[in-house]
Amino acid sequence: MTEIPTLAQAGDIILLVSSQKKRYIVRLDPLATIQTHRGVLPHTDLIGKPYGTRAFSHLGSPFLLLQPSIADLITELKRNTQIMYPKEIGYVLMNLDIGPGRRVLEAGTGSGGLTTALAYMVGPQGVVYSYDYRGQMQNLARKNLERIGLADRVFFKEREISQGFDETGLDAVFLDVPNPYDYVEQARSALKSGGFFGSIQPTTNQVSRLIIALRRANFGFIDVCEILLRYYKPVAERLRPVDRMVAHTGYLIFARSLIDIIEEDGIPPTEYALAGQVFETDDISSASQREDPED
């Protein structure tokens, strides 16, 4: 059966990859050109061309014409801050049950990496609420979303989240802030019963404090994990791991908002309340002396 090629059209977002693996993501405009160190490519040379084929600059340098994946769009975002990696984002989307029509909130917009993935997944019927007190970051994220045509699915809100969130009955809340344990109650108020909570943190101390705050606020099914990604050299005769890998980039924490009080790992919520008092004094060493219930 002959495959019918998909042709690049005006208005498409396309990915060009040079022979040196340099990537360019642009929206095709008949009046525009792409300026590279390997030459100039008029967009008219790309419009109507099948994806998966080569295009050549005025200097004769080849570029492969492709449709970008959502991972391509995120990794090539203009940024002022570190963004979440696709390896974490994919797991977050699955664990927060993000899909068409969902209403989801994130705190800590940053450059809009996770915002992009959330907006893509909720579809035209869904909505993303993105909070950040830094106006310049929200402006950059908004431009990034406008560039790929997803800005109409996102409501940007510039303010401190200590004031709480305007929304209620949300399907999921994700906190990408340094101190999420201070905003667990705000997240709970915004979530529907049984809703999904998530966060990413760089250190174990932050994770420990968040676990305690979640249990005190009657969240359950708490999970903590990290994603380690190792690529292999795709050479059949000598298949082996590459010399470097994308290892630890952050701890992911997930939980569910509950109504009934539950006991997990043999520890009632009142015990977590006592532990929380220890951490509120910043006496980490005292917390480490508490007996592990699994011992």
Protein backbone atom coordinates (compact mmCIF):
# COMPACT_ATOMS: atom_id res chain seq x y z
CA MET A 1 0.00 0.00 0.00
CA THR A 2 1.41 3.42 -0.96
CA GLU A 3 1.73 5.83 1.96
CA ILE A 4 0.13 9.22 1.37
CA PRO A 5 2.58 11.88 2.61
CA THR A 6 1.52 14.62 5.01
CA LEU A 7 2.37 18.01 3.53
CA ALA A 8 3.54 21.07 5.45
CA GLN A 9 0.95 23.85 5.26
CA ALA A 10 1.04 27.58 5.95
CA GLY A 11 0.36 28.09 9.64
CA ASP A 12 1.88 24.73 10.65
CA ILE A 13 4.47 24.62 13.42
CA ILE A 14 7.42 22.74 11.94
CA LEU A 15 10.73 21.35 13.17
CA LEU A 16 13.86 21.68 11.04
CA VAL A 17 16.92 19.61 12.00
CA SER A 18 20.31 20.37 10.45
CA SER A 19 22.98 17.77 9.74
CA GLN A 20 24.68 19.03 12.93
CA LYS A 21 21.44 18.26 14.87
CA LYS A 22 20.68 21.94 15.38
CA ARG A 23 16.91 22.38 15.78
CA TYR A 24 14.63 25.17 14.61
CA ILE A 25 10.93 25.38 15.47
CA VAL A 26 8.90 27.94 13.53
CA ARG A 27 5.37 28.58 12.30
CA LEU A 28 5.22 28.58 8.51
CA ASP A 29 4.44 31.96 6.98
CA PRO A 30 4.63 32.48 3.18
CA LEU A 31 6.28 35.88 3.74
CA ALA A 32 8.95 34.70 6.20
CA THR A 33 12.41 33.12 6.00
CA ILE A 34 14.51 31.05 8.40
CA GLN A 35 17.98 32.48 9.03
CA THR A 36 20.64 29.92 10.02
CA HIS A 37 24.41 29.68 10.08
CA ARG A 38 24.03 27.18 7.23
CA GLY A 39 22.05 29.50 5.01
CA VAL A 40 18.58 30.91 4.47
CA LEU A 41 15.40 28.90 3.87
CA PRO A 42 12.31 30.74 2.60
CA HIS A 43 9.14 29.33 4.14
CA THR A 44 7.72 29.02 0.64
CA ASP A 45 10.34 26.30 -0.01
CA LEU A 46 8.83 24.30 2.88
CA ILE A 47 5.10 24.87 2.35
CA GLY A 48 3.68 21.96 0.38
CA LYS A 49 6.70 19.79 1.04
CA PRO A 50 6.16 16.32 2.58
CA TYR A 51 7.18 15.89 6.21
CA GLY A 52 10.11 13.53 6.60
CA THR A 53 11.96 14.90 3.58
CA ARG A 54 14.95 17.20 3.20
CA ALA A 55 15.00 20.89 2.37
CA PHE A 56 18.09 22.85 1.37
CA SER A 57 19.24 26.34 2.29
CA HIS A 58 20.54 28.78 -0.33
CA LEU A 59 24.02 27.47 0.52
CA GLY A 60 23.00 23.89 -0.17
CA SER A 61 22.96 22.75 3.49
CA PRO A 62 20.35 20.02 4.15
CA PHE A 63 17.64 20.23 6.80
CA LEU A 64 15.13 17.53 7.68
CA LEU A 65 11.51 18.74 7.78
CA LEU A 66 9.45 17.21 10.61
CA GLN A 67 6.35 17.80 12.70
CA PRO A 68 7.52 18.61 16.25
CA SER A 69 6.44 16.48 19.20
CA ILE A 70 5.20 18.07 22.40
CA ALA A 71 8.60 17.14 23.91
CA ASP A 72 10.31 19.10 21.11
CA LEU A 73 8.13 22.12 21.79
CA ILE A 74 8.90 22.05 25.50
CA THR A 75 12.67 21.51 25.28
CA GLU A 76 12.99 24.31 22.70
CA LEU A 77 11.02 26.86 24.74
CA LYS A 78 12.52 30.26 25.34
CA ARG A 79 13.30 30.26 29.05
CA ASN A 80 14.52 32.37 31.96
CA THR A 81 14.34 29.51 34.46
CA GLN A 82 15.01 25.78 34.55
CA ILE A 83 12.04 23.91 33.12
CA MET A 84 10.75 20.47 34.00
CA TYR A 85 12.14 17.72 31.78
CA PRO A 86 9.83 15.68 29.53
CA LYS A 87 10.80 12.57 31.53
CA GLU A 88 9.09 14.05 34.60
CA ILE A 89 6.30 15.79 32.72
CA GLY A 90 5.07 12.57 31.12
CA TYR A 91 4.84 10.83 34.49
CA VAL A 92 3.11 13.85 36.02
CA LEU A 93 0.47 13.87 33.28
CA MET A 94 -0.28 10.19 33.86
CA ASN A 95 -0.40 10.37 37.65
CA LEU A 96 -2.57 13.48 37.72
CA ASP A 97 -4.92 11.90 35.16
CA ILE A 98 -4.62 14.86 32.81
CA GLY A 99 -6.78 14.46 29.72
CA PRO A 100 -9.37 16.17 27.53
CA GLY A 101 -11.78 18.41 29.42
CA ARG A 102 -9.85 18.42 32.70
CA ARG A 103 -9.60 21.53 34.89
CA VAL A 104 -6.11 21.73 36.34
CA LEU A 105 -4.11 24.30 38.28
CA GLU A 106 -0.36 24.82 38.54
CA ALA A 107 1.49 27.17 40.86
CA GLY A 108 4.92 28.27 39.68
CA THR A 109 4.45 29.07 35.99
CA GLY A 110 8.14 29.60 35.27
CA SER A 111 8.88 29.61 31.54
CA GLY A 112 5.80 27.50 30.80
CA GLY A 113 7.21 24.01 30.19
CA LEU A 114 4.64 22.11 32.25
CA THR A 115 2.01 24.70 31.30
CA THR A 116 2.52 23.76 27.65
CA ALA A 117 2.07 20.05 28.32
CA LEU A 118 -1.01 20.61 30.47
CA ALA A 119 -2.63 22.88 27.88
CA TYR A 120 -1.89 20.37 25.13
CA MET A 121 -3.41 17.48 27.09
CA VAL A 122 -6.60 19.13 28.38
CA GLY A 123 -7.65 19.96 24.83
CA PRO A 124 -10.01 22.72 23.68
CA GLN A 125 -12.65 21.75 26.27
CA GLY A 126 -10.24 21.83 29.22
CA VAL A 127 -8.61 24.70 31.06
CA VAL A 128 -5.33 25.35 32.88
CA TYR A 129 -5.00 27.94 35.65
CA SER A 130 -1.39 29.06 36.13
CA TYR A 131 -0.32 31.10 39.16
CA ASP A 132 2.97 32.95 39.64
CA TYR A 133 3.80 36.16 41.48
CA ARG A 134 6.52 37.01 38.93
CA GLY A 135 4.95 39.01 36.14
CA GLN A 136 7.96 38.75 33.84
CA MET A 137 7.83 34.96 34.01
CA GLN A 138 4.14 34.85 33.17
CA ASN A 139 4.71 37.19 30.23
CA LEU A 140 7.36 34.84 28.85
CA ALA A 141 5.18 31.78 29.40
CA ARG A 142 2.25 33.51 27.71
CA LYS A 143 4.40 34.30 24.65
CA ASN A 144 5.62 30.70 24.53
CA LEU A 145 2.03 29.43 24.61
CA GLU A 146 0.90 31.96 21.99
CA ARG A 147 3.73 30.88 19.71
CA ILE A 148 2.39 27.33 19.52
CA GLY A 149 -1.31 28.20 19.62
CA LEU A 150 -2.22 26.98 23.12
CA ALA A 151 -2.58 30.27 25.03
CA ASP A 152 -6.39 30.25 24.79
CA ARG A 153 -6.50 27.20 27.10
CA VAL A 154 -4.60 28.91 29.93
CA PHE A 155 -5.64 31.56 32.45
CA PHE A 156 -2.55 33.28 33.89
CA LYS A 157 -2.88 34.73 37.37
CA GLU A 158 -0.16 36.94 38.82
CA ARG A 159 -0.23 36.80 42.61
CA GLU A 160 1.04 35.10 45.76
CA ILE A 161 -0.64 31.75 46.32
CA SER A 162 -0.65 32.26 50.09
CA GLN A 163 -3.90 34.16 49.41
CA GLY A 164 -5.42 30.93 48.12
CA PHE A 165 -6.83 30.07 44.72
CA ASP A 166 -9.96 31.42 43.07
CA GLU A 167 -10.98 28.03 41.67
CA THR A 168 -12.73 25.11 43.37
CA GLY A 169 -13.68 21.62 42.29
CA LEU A 170 -10.48 21.17 40.27
CA ASP A 171 -9.39 17.80 38.94
CA ALA A 172 -5.71 18.33 39.75
CA VAL A 173 -3.29 20.77 41.38
CA PHE A 174 0.49 20.82 40.85
CA LEU A 175 2.80 22.94 43.02
CA ASP A 176 6.20 23.77 41.54
CA VAL A 177 7.29 26.10 44.34
CA PRO A 178 10.14 25.85 46.90
CA ASN A 179 7.82 25.50 49.90
CA PRO A 180 4.70 23.58 48.82
CA TYR A 181 4.08 22.40 52.40
CA ASP A 182 2.98 25.97 53.22
CA TYR A 183 0.21 25.81 50.60
CA VAL A 184 -1.28 22.35 51.05
CA GLU A 185 -4.46 23.72 52.62
CA GLN A 186 -4.90 26.12 49.71
CA ALA A 187 -4.47 23.22 47.29
CA ARG A 188 -6.98 21.11 49.19
CA SER A 189 -9.58 23.90 49.08
CA ALA A 190 -9.19 24.14 45.31
CA LEU A 191 -9.44 20.39 44.64
CA LYS A 192 -12.56 18.31 44.31
CA SER A 193 -12.83 15.43 46.77
CA GLY A 194 -10.59 12.66 45.54
CA GLY A 195 -8.69 15.11 43.31
CA PHE A 196 -5.05 14.68 42.35
CA PHE A 197 -2.14 16.55 43.92
CA GLY A 198 1.43 16.71 42.65
CA SER A 199 4.68 18.54 43.29
CA ILE A 200 8.35 18.44 42.35
CA GLN A 201 11.13 19.20 44.83
CA PRO A 202 14.94 19.13 44.61
CA THR A 203 15.80 17.99 48.16
CA THR A 204 14.66 15.27 50.55
CA ASN A 205 14.13 17.77 53.38
CA GLN A 206 11.48 19.55 51.32
CA VAL A 207 9.87 16.22 50.47
CA SER A 208 9.72 15.18 54.14
CA ARG A 209 8.04 18.42 55.14
CA LEU A 210 5.56 18.08 52.29
CA ILE A 211 4.64 14.52 53.27
CA ILE A 212 3.89 15.67 56.79
CA ALA A 213 1.78 18.59 55.56
CA LEU A 214 -0.16 16.33 53.20
CA ARG A 215 -1.00 13.81 55.91
CA ARG A 216 -2.03 16.56 58.33
CA ALA A 217 -4.39 17.91 55.64
CA ASN A 218 -5.85 14.41 55.13
CA PHE A 219 -4.31 13.60 51.77
CA GLY A 220 -3.78 9.92 51.12
CA PHE A 221 -2.13 7.53 48.67
CA ILE A 222 1.10 9.50 48.92
CA ASP A 223 3.86 8.44 46.54
CA VAL A 224 7.42 9.74 46.19
CA CYS A 225 9.65 8.84 43.25
CA GLU A 226 12.34 10.08 40.91
CA ILE A 227 12.73 9.39 37.19
CA LEU A 228 16.13 8.30 35.86
CA LEU A 229 16.47 8.19 32.09
CA ARG A 230 19.26 6.36 30.27
CA TYR A 231 19.64 6.38 26.50
CA TYR A 232 21.42 3.70 24.48
CA LYS A 233 23.54 4.13 21.38
CA PRO A 234 21.29 2.82 18.57
CA VAL A 235 23.99 0.82 16.79
CA ALA A 236 22.89 -2.81 16.41
CA GLU A 237 26.42 -4.23 16.34
CA ARG A 238 27.51 -2.51 19.57
CA LEU A 239 24.40 -1.56 21.50
CA ARG A 240 25.33 -0.03 24.87
CA PRO A 241 24.38 2.88 27.12
CA VAL A 242 25.55 6.34 26.18
CA ASP A 243 28.29 7.84 28.35
CA ARG A 244 25.94 10.28 30.07
CA MET A 245 22.41 9.95 31.39
CA VAL A 246 19.69 12.28 32.61
CA ALA A 247 19.69 11.18 36.23
CA HIS A 248 18.27 12.99 39.25
CA THR A 249 16.51 16.23 38.39
CA GLY A 250 13.94 16.26 41.18
CA TYR A 251 11.66 14.24 43.46
CA LEU A 252 8.04 13.83 42.39
CA ILE A 253 5.35 13.70 45.07
CA PHE A 254 1.76 12.62 44.39
CA ALA A 255 -1.31 12.35 46.62
CA ARG A 256 -5.12 12.28 46.58
CA SER A 257 -7.46 14.63 48.44
CA LEU A 258 -9.66 12.59 50.80
CA ILE A 259 -12.70 13.23 52.97
CA ASP A 260 -12.45 10.35 55.45
CA ILE A 261 -9.41 10.14 57.69
CA ILE A 262 -7.21 7.19 56.81
CA GLU A 263 -4.16 5.54 58.30
CA GLU A 264 -1.20 4.78 56.07
CA ASP A 265 1.86 2.68 56.89
CA GLY A 266 0.51 2.18 60.38
CA ILE A 267 0.81 5.89 61.19
CA PRO A 268 -2.37 7.79 62.13
CA PRO A 269 -2.65 11.44 60.99
CA THR A 270 -2.17 12.64 64.59
CA GLU A 271 1.37 11.29 64.55
CA TYR A 272 2.12 13.39 61.48
CA ALA A 273 0.77 16.42 63.32
CA LEU A 274 3.37 15.85 66.03
CA ALA A 275 6.08 15.37 63.43
CA GLY A 276 5.05 18.59 61.76
CA GLN A 277 5.70 20.47 65.01
CA VAL A 278 9.24 19.15 64.97
CA PHE A 279 9.89 20.38 61.45
CA GLU A 280 8.34 23.74 62.19
CA THR A 281 11.21 24.31 64.64
CA ASP A 282 13.66 23.43 61.80
CA ASP A 283 15.16 20.79 64.10
CA ILE A 284 15.80 18.17 61.43
CA SER A 285 18.07 16.19 63.71
CA SER A 286 15.26 15.75 66.23
CA ALA A 287 13.00 14.46 63.49
CA SER A 288 15.61 11.89 62.47
CA GLN A 289 15.57 10.49 66.03
CA ARG A 290 11.90 9.58 65.81
CA GLU A 291 11.35 5.86 65.69
CA ASP A 292 10.65 4.52 62.19
CA PRO A 293 7.35 2.60 62.46
CA GLU A 294 8.66 0.05 59.96
CA ASP A 295 11.66 -0.88 62.13
